[in-house]
Amino acid sequence: MAHLDINGTSFEYAERGSGETILFVHGSNGDYRTWHAQLDQLSESYHAVAFSRRYHWPNTQIPEAVDYSMTEQFDDLLAVVHALDAGPVHLVGHSYGAFLCLLLAMREPQLVRSLVLAEAPVITLFITIPPKPQQLLKLLLSRPLTAMTIVKFAMTGLGPATAAMKRNDLDAGLRIFGTAVLGREGFNQLSVERLEQARANLIKAEFLGSGFLPLDADEVSRVQSPTLLINGENSPALFHRLADRLHELLPHSERISIPSSSHIMHEDNSSAYNAAVLSFVKRH
């Protein structure tokens, strides 16, 4: 295992293969291990790299009273790309990691050859977190289906999970949040090994901290990177509605749904996911 020392911390990463670089960026409750099936297959044609983001296993854990800052996470991603000295890279992001990849394509487009976004939680395209009543009302009138999925996620997922974190009930927080993003069946089907990985990356400060950065629709629409938007066939409706909006905004985007999968589609159906990503990257 290798590591990068940047921005005052050490980042563990795995790399395989040679050629153009594909950089994999994991989401919440994960680390570089979530990409093992992608490293195995895509490294046959590319230089495949997956790193564990700040505070994620096996990196240094977050200290008490420190914010889990998306700005800091973005600065880390930018520094990793520069440290690899491999740009422009093909960026492949999942969930929170997909949000970071989108930000990089918006702010540093010269570093991004192509962009793969799997269910980026771009709720701040519509509302702030926590939302203002007038924002919700406006969204309800203009995009009622999107509004209802956001409200459902907040009331049955993010809100109760955050409350569990505040009372330090980490197991309940993981169960509530995991069910909200994977669906009940998807969460119940997680292997013992994957649950342990999720527990190793359950960071209370991520729920209690400053949260997601705001997104401006006009800025998103100026992204010129070819983009593949991926959903899991069985993912909660929220992620499909968010991808709808990204597809409207991103001028060079295409979409695909991975069958027999939910939010962690790169793990649920890695063969179909890998085939889709490989086909897309080869064209760009």
Protein backbone atom coordinates (compact mmCIF):
# COMPACT_ATOMS: atom_id res chain seq x y z
CA MET A 1 0.00 0.00 0.00
CA ALA A 2 1.23 3.49 -0.88
CA HIS A 3 0.55 6.89 0.64
CA LEU A 4 0.62 10.54 -0.33
CA ASP A 5 1.61 13.24 2.19
CA ILE A 6 -0.31 16.37 1.21
CA ASN A 7 -2.23 19.18 2.90
CA GLY A 8 -0.83 18.19 6.28
CA THR A 9 -2.02 14.59 6.30
CA SER A 10 -1.28 11.18 4.80
CA PHE A 11 -3.62 9.55 2.28
CA GLU A 12 -3.49 5.81 1.70
CA TYR A 13 -4.11 4.72 -1.87
CA ALA A 14 -3.98 1.74 -4.18
CA GLU A 15 -2.89 1.83 -7.81
CA ARG A 16 -2.61 -0.69 -10.60
CA GLY A 17 -1.93 -0.72 -14.31
CA SER A 18 -0.49 1.89 -16.65
CA GLY A 19 -1.64 4.41 -19.23
CA GLU A 20 -4.16 7.22 -18.79
CA THR A 21 -5.16 7.69 -15.15
CA ILE A 22 -8.61 6.88 -13.82
CA LEU A 23 -9.00 8.30 -10.31
CA PHE A 24 -11.74 6.76 -8.15
CA VAL A 25 -13.27 8.89 -5.38
CA HIS A 26 -15.39 7.07 -2.79
CA GLY A 27 -18.47 8.26 -0.96
CA SER A 28 -19.55 8.29 2.68
CA ASN A 29 -19.08 5.16 4.82
CA GLY A 30 -16.37 3.97 2.45
CA ASP A 31 -12.67 4.03 1.63
CA TYR A 32 -10.41 2.96 -1.21
CA ARG A 33 -11.41 -0.69 -0.66
CA THR A 34 -14.85 -0.06 -2.13
CA TRP A 35 -13.23 0.12 -5.57
CA HIS A 36 -11.41 -3.24 -5.56
CA ALA A 37 -13.51 -4.69 -8.40
CA GLN A 38 -12.86 -1.61 -10.52
CA LEU A 39 -9.10 -1.63 -9.86
CA ASP A 40 -8.93 -5.30 -10.81
CA GLN A 41 -10.64 -4.89 -14.18
CA LEU A 42 -9.98 -1.35 -15.38
CA SER A 43 -6.26 -1.55 -14.59
CA GLU A 44 -5.97 -3.94 -17.54
CA SER A 45 -6.26 -0.89 -19.80
CA TYR A 46 -5.59 2.12 -17.55
CA HIS A 47 -3.60 3.42 -14.61
CA ALA A 48 -6.30 2.93 -11.96
CA VAL A 49 -5.95 4.79 -8.64
CA ALA A 50 -8.24 4.79 -5.59
CA PHE A 51 -7.47 6.75 -2.42
CA SER A 52 -9.06 7.01 0.99
CA ARG A 53 -10.30 10.53 1.63
CA ARG A 54 -9.36 12.52 4.72
CA TYR A 55 -10.51 10.85 7.98
CA HIS A 56 -11.49 7.64 6.19
CA TRP A 57 -9.89 4.25 6.96
CA PRO A 58 -6.98 3.73 7.34
CA ASN A 59 -6.10 7.42 7.49
CA THR A 60 -5.96 9.41 10.72
CA GLN A 61 -9.40 9.68 12.32
CA ILE A 62 -11.07 13.03 12.73
CA PRO A 63 -10.31 14.77 16.07
CA GLU A 64 -13.11 15.84 18.36
CA ALA A 65 -14.71 19.22 17.55
CA VAL A 66 -13.17 19.33 14.04
CA ASP A 67 -15.48 20.04 11.11
CA TYR A 68 -15.90 17.51 8.32
CA SER A 69 -15.50 20.19 5.68
CA MET A 70 -16.41 19.72 2.03
CA THR A 71 -14.08 22.60 1.19
CA GLU A 72 -11.22 20.69 2.80
CA GLN A 73 -12.25 17.48 1.06
CA PHE A 74 -12.24 19.31 -2.27
CA ASP A 75 -8.81 20.82 -1.61
CA ASP A 76 -7.55 17.30 -0.87
CA LEU A 77 -8.92 15.94 -4.15
CA LEU A 78 -7.29 18.76 -6.07
CA ALA A 79 -3.99 18.12 -4.29
CA VAL A 80 -4.19 14.37 -5.01
CA VAL A 81 -4.65 15.02 -8.74
CA HIS A 82 -1.64 17.34 -8.73
CA ALA A 83 0.44 14.91 -6.65
CA LEU A 84 -0.23 12.09 -9.10
CA ASP A 85 1.09 14.36 -11.87
CA ALA A 86 -1.18 12.51 -14.27
CA GLY A 87 -3.68 15.12 -15.38
CA PRO A 88 -5.96 15.47 -17.07
CA VAL A 89 -7.53 12.43 -15.41
CA HIS A 90 -10.69 10.44 -15.87
CA LEU A 91 -12.59 11.14 -12.63
CA VAL A 92 -14.95 8.47 -11.30
CA GLY A 93 -16.90 9.49 -8.21
CA HIS A 94 -19.53 7.84 -6.08
CA SER A 95 -22.06 9.74 -3.93
CA TYR A 96 -20.18 12.33 -1.81
CA GLY A 97 -17.14 11.60 -3.95
CA ALA A 98 -19.17 12.31 -7.10
CA PHE A 99 -20.13 15.70 -5.66
CA LEU A 100 -16.41 16.44 -5.18
CA CYS A 101 -15.62 15.33 -8.73
CA LEU A 102 -18.31 17.65 -10.10
CA LEU A 103 -16.79 20.53 -8.15
CA LEU A 104 -13.36 19.78 -9.60
CA ALA A 105 -14.74 19.76 -13.15
CA MET A 106 -16.41 23.11 -12.44
CA ARG A 107 -13.39 24.80 -10.87
CA GLU A 108 -10.40 23.14 -12.56
CA PRO A 109 -11.68 21.88 -15.93
CA GLN A 110 -8.17 21.52 -17.38
CA LEU A 111 -7.54 18.65 -14.95
CA VAL A 112 -10.54 16.55 -16.01
CA ARG A 113 -10.54 14.43 -19.17
CA SER A 114 -13.92 12.82 -18.45
CA LEU A 115 -16.34 12.60 -15.57
CA VAL A 116 -18.34 9.67 -14.18
CA LEU A 117 -20.85 10.65 -11.49
CA ALA A 118 -22.73 7.94 -9.63
CA GLU A 119 -25.65 9.39 -7.67
CA ALA A 120 -24.06 12.65 -6.58
CA PRO A 121 -26.23 14.04 -3.73
CA VAL A 122 -26.57 17.49 -5.31
CA ILE A 123 -29.48 18.57 -3.11
CA THR A 124 -27.95 22.05 -2.80
CA LEU A 125 -28.84 22.66 -6.45
CA PHE A 126 -32.36 23.12 -5.10
CA ILE A 127 -32.21 24.09 -1.42
CA THR A 128 -29.84 24.93 1.38
CA ILE A 129 -29.31 22.45 4.22
CA PRO A 130 -31.20 23.00 6.44
CA PRO A 131 -33.76 24.32 3.92
CA LYS A 132 -35.65 27.57 4.15
CA PRO A 133 -39.46 27.26 3.97
CA GLN A 134 -39.67 29.47 0.88
CA GLN A 135 -37.16 27.26 -0.91
CA LEU A 136 -39.24 24.17 -0.27
CA LEU A 137 -42.41 25.92 -1.38
CA LYS A 138 -40.78 27.10 -4.60
CA LEU A 139 -39.42 23.62 -5.28
CA LEU A 140 -42.78 22.01 -4.52
CA LEU A 141 -44.45 24.25 -7.10
CA SER A 142 -41.78 23.85 -9.79
CA ARG A 143 -40.60 20.25 -9.26
CA PRO A 144 -43.07 18.45 -7.00
CA LEU A 145 -41.57 14.98 -7.43
CA THR A 146 -38.08 16.22 -6.57
CA ALA A 147 -39.43 18.16 -3.60
CA MET A 148 -41.24 15.11 -2.22
CA THR A 149 -38.18 12.87 -2.53
CA ILE A 150 -35.99 15.43 -0.74
CA VAL A 151 -38.52 15.84 2.07
CA LYS A 152 -38.86 12.07 2.44
CA PHE A 153 -35.08 11.63 2.59
CA ALA A 154 -34.78 14.39 5.19
CA MET A 155 -37.62 13.07 7.38
CA THR A 156 -36.87 9.35 7.23
CA GLY A 157 -33.12 9.35 6.62
CA LEU A 158 -30.89 12.33 7.20
CA GLY A 159 -32.88 13.86 10.05
CA PRO A 160 -33.25 10.73 12.21
CA ALA A 161 -29.68 9.62 11.42
CA THR A 162 -28.33 13.00 12.51
CA ALA A 163 -30.38 12.81 15.72
CA ALA A 164 -28.91 9.37 16.42
CA MET A 165 -25.40 10.75 15.89
CA LYS A 166 -26.08 13.61 18.29
CA ARG A 167 -26.95 11.12 21.02
CA ASN A 168 -23.90 9.04 20.04
CA ASP A 169 -25.96 6.05 18.90
CA LEU A 170 -23.73 5.19 15.96
CA ASP A 171 -25.32 1.82 15.20
CA ALA A 172 -28.77 3.39 14.88
CA GLY A 173 -27.33 6.21 12.77
CA LEU A 174 -25.72 3.74 10.39
CA ARG A 175 -28.88 1.64 10.11
CA ILE A 176 -31.14 4.65 9.46
CA PHE A 177 -28.81 6.33 6.99
CA GLY A 178 -27.90 3.08 5.26
CA THR A 179 -31.56 2.19 4.80
CA ALA A 180 -32.32 5.65 3.42
CA VAL A 181 -29.60 5.53 0.74
CA LEU A 182 -29.62 1.82 -0.12
CA GLY A 183 -33.23 0.93 0.53
CA ARG A 184 -34.21 -1.54 3.24
CA GLU A 185 -33.44 -4.60 1.13
CA GLY A 186 -30.12 -3.19 -0.03
CA PHE A 187 -28.97 -2.44 3.50
CA ASN A 188 -30.10 -5.80 4.86
CA GLN A 189 -28.15 -7.58 2.13
CA LEU A 190 -24.82 -5.98 3.01
CA SER A 191 -22.17 -8.54 3.84
CA VAL A 192 -20.55 -8.67 7.27
CA GLU A 193 -17.33 -7.43 5.66
CA ARG A 194 -19.04 -4.47 3.99
CA LEU A 195 -20.83 -3.54 7.21
CA GLU A 196 -17.48 -3.50 9.00
CA GLN A 197 -16.11 -1.23 6.29
CA ALA A 198 -19.10 1.09 6.77
CA ARG A 199 -18.59 1.15 10.54
CA ALA A 200 -14.90 1.92 10.09
CA ASN A 201 -15.92 4.97 8.03
CA LEU A 202 -18.93 6.15 10.02
CA ILE A 203 -17.88 9.69 10.86
CA LYS A 204 -20.19 11.50 13.24
CA ALA A 205 -18.81 14.89 12.25
CA GLU A 206 -19.99 14.33 8.67
CA PHE A 207 -23.58 14.42 9.93
CA LEU A 208 -23.06 17.23 12.42
CA GLY A 209 -20.67 19.45 10.44
CA SER A 210 -20.97 22.16 7.81
CA GLY A 211 -22.43 19.85 5.16
CA PHE A 212 -22.55 20.23 1.40
CA LEU A 213 -21.38 23.32 -0.46
CA PRO A 214 -23.98 25.28 -2.43
CA LEU A 215 -24.24 24.63 -6.16
CA ASP A 216 -25.19 27.17 -8.82
CA ALA A 217 -27.09 25.78 -11.79
CA ASP A 218 -25.49 28.22 -14.24
CA GLU A 219 -22.01 27.19 -13.12
CA VAL A 220 -22.88 23.50 -13.46
CA SER A 221 -24.18 24.11 -16.98
CA ARG A 222 -20.77 25.48 -18.00
CA VAL A 223 -19.01 22.16 -17.36
CA GLN A 224 -17.63 20.97 -20.69
CA SER A 225 -16.25 17.60 -19.59
CA PRO A 226 -18.00 14.60 -21.15
CA THR A 227 -20.02 13.15 -18.27
CA LEU A 228 -21.61 9.80 -17.56
CA LEU A 229 -24.41 9.88 -14.98
CA ILE A 230 -25.00 6.52 -13.32
CA ASN A 231 -27.93 5.35 -11.23
CA GLY A 232 -28.69 2.04 -9.60
CA GLU A 233 -31.88 0.52 -10.94
CA ASN A 234 -33.22 0.01 -7.42
CA SER A 235 -31.86 3.19 -5.85
CA PRO A 236 -34.24 5.46 -3.92
CA ALA A 237 -36.14 7.90 -6.13
CA LEU A 238 -34.21 10.86 -4.75
CA PHE A 239 -31.05 9.88 -6.63
CA HIS A 240 -32.94 9.50 -9.90
CA ARG A 241 -34.49 12.95 -9.57
CA LEU A 242 -31.12 14.54 -8.78
CA ALA A 243 -29.60 12.86 -11.83
CA ASP A 244 -32.51 14.19 -13.91
CA ARG A 245 -31.47 17.73 -13.02
CA LEU A 246 -27.78 17.12 -13.67
CA HIS A 247 -28.65 15.63 -17.06
CA GLU A 248 -30.64 18.78 -17.89
CA LEU A 249 -27.75 21.03 -16.90
CA LEU A 250 -24.60 19.26 -18.07
CA PRO A 251 -24.27 19.88 -21.82
CA HIS A 252 -22.23 16.75 -22.63
CA SER A 253 -23.88 14.21 -20.35
CA GLU A 254 -25.35 10.78 -20.91
CA ARG A 255 -27.09 8.41 -18.53
CA ILE A 256 -27.16 4.76 -17.68
CA SER A 257 -28.93 2.65 -15.06
CA ILE A 258 -27.12 -0.38 -13.65
CA PRO A 259 -29.54 -3.32 -13.33
CA SER A 260 -29.95 -5.34 -10.14
CA SER A 261 -28.27 -2.67 -8.04
CA SER A 262 -28.92 0.14 -5.60
CA HIS A 263 -26.83 3.11 -4.47
CA ILE A 264 -23.55 1.16 -4.29
CA MET A 265 -24.02 -0.09 -7.83
CA HIS A 266 -20.26 -0.50 -8.38
CA GLU A 267 -20.36 -3.19 -5.69
CA ASP A 268 -23.85 -4.63 -6.28
CA ASN A 269 -23.25 -5.28 -9.98
CA SER A 270 -19.60 -4.58 -10.65
CA SER A 271 -19.52 -6.33 -14.03
CA ALA A 272 -22.25 -4.12 -15.53
CA TYR A 273 -20.85 -1.01 -13.85
CA ASN A 274 -17.31 -1.70 -15.06
CA ALA A 275 -18.48 -2.34 -18.61
CA ALA A 276 -20.36 0.98 -18.66
CA VAL A 277 -17.44 2.98 -17.27
CA LEU A 278 -14.89 1.28 -19.51
CA SER A 279 -16.97 1.91 -22.62
CA PHE A 280 -17.46 5.57 -21.69
CA VAL A 281 -13.82 6.24 -20.81
CA LYS A 282 -12.56 4.58 -24.00
CA ARG A 283 -14.65 7.01 -26.04
CA HIS A 284 -13.09 9.99 -24.26
